[in-house]
């Protein structure tokens, strides 16, 4: 067991729990749950589920370069369910049109 320093929860706004992450920026579910328990939060499962959904969807959509059809296939959910989750999480997919070098607009 290591003595990893935890963020000072007392400095966060009332009702706000920081989303702990690992050194590489990945969601640390164990630390998130620990922080929520220490803060006396209720509804832990729902909040953790939301953060996990956000992390998974973000990573899969990054992998598929925003292709929702491919993302929904990889996730094993319908495209409608994926779009509903994105809307509920207030996540948006930005698409860009890039010109090849030497082309004019």
Foldseek 3Di string as FASTA:
>chain_A
DDDDDDDDQVVDPPPDDDQDDDPVRHTDLVVSLVRCVVSVHPPSVVVSVLVVLVRLLVVLCVVVVNPLCVSCVVVVHDSVVSVVSCVVNVHDRDDDDDDDPPDDD
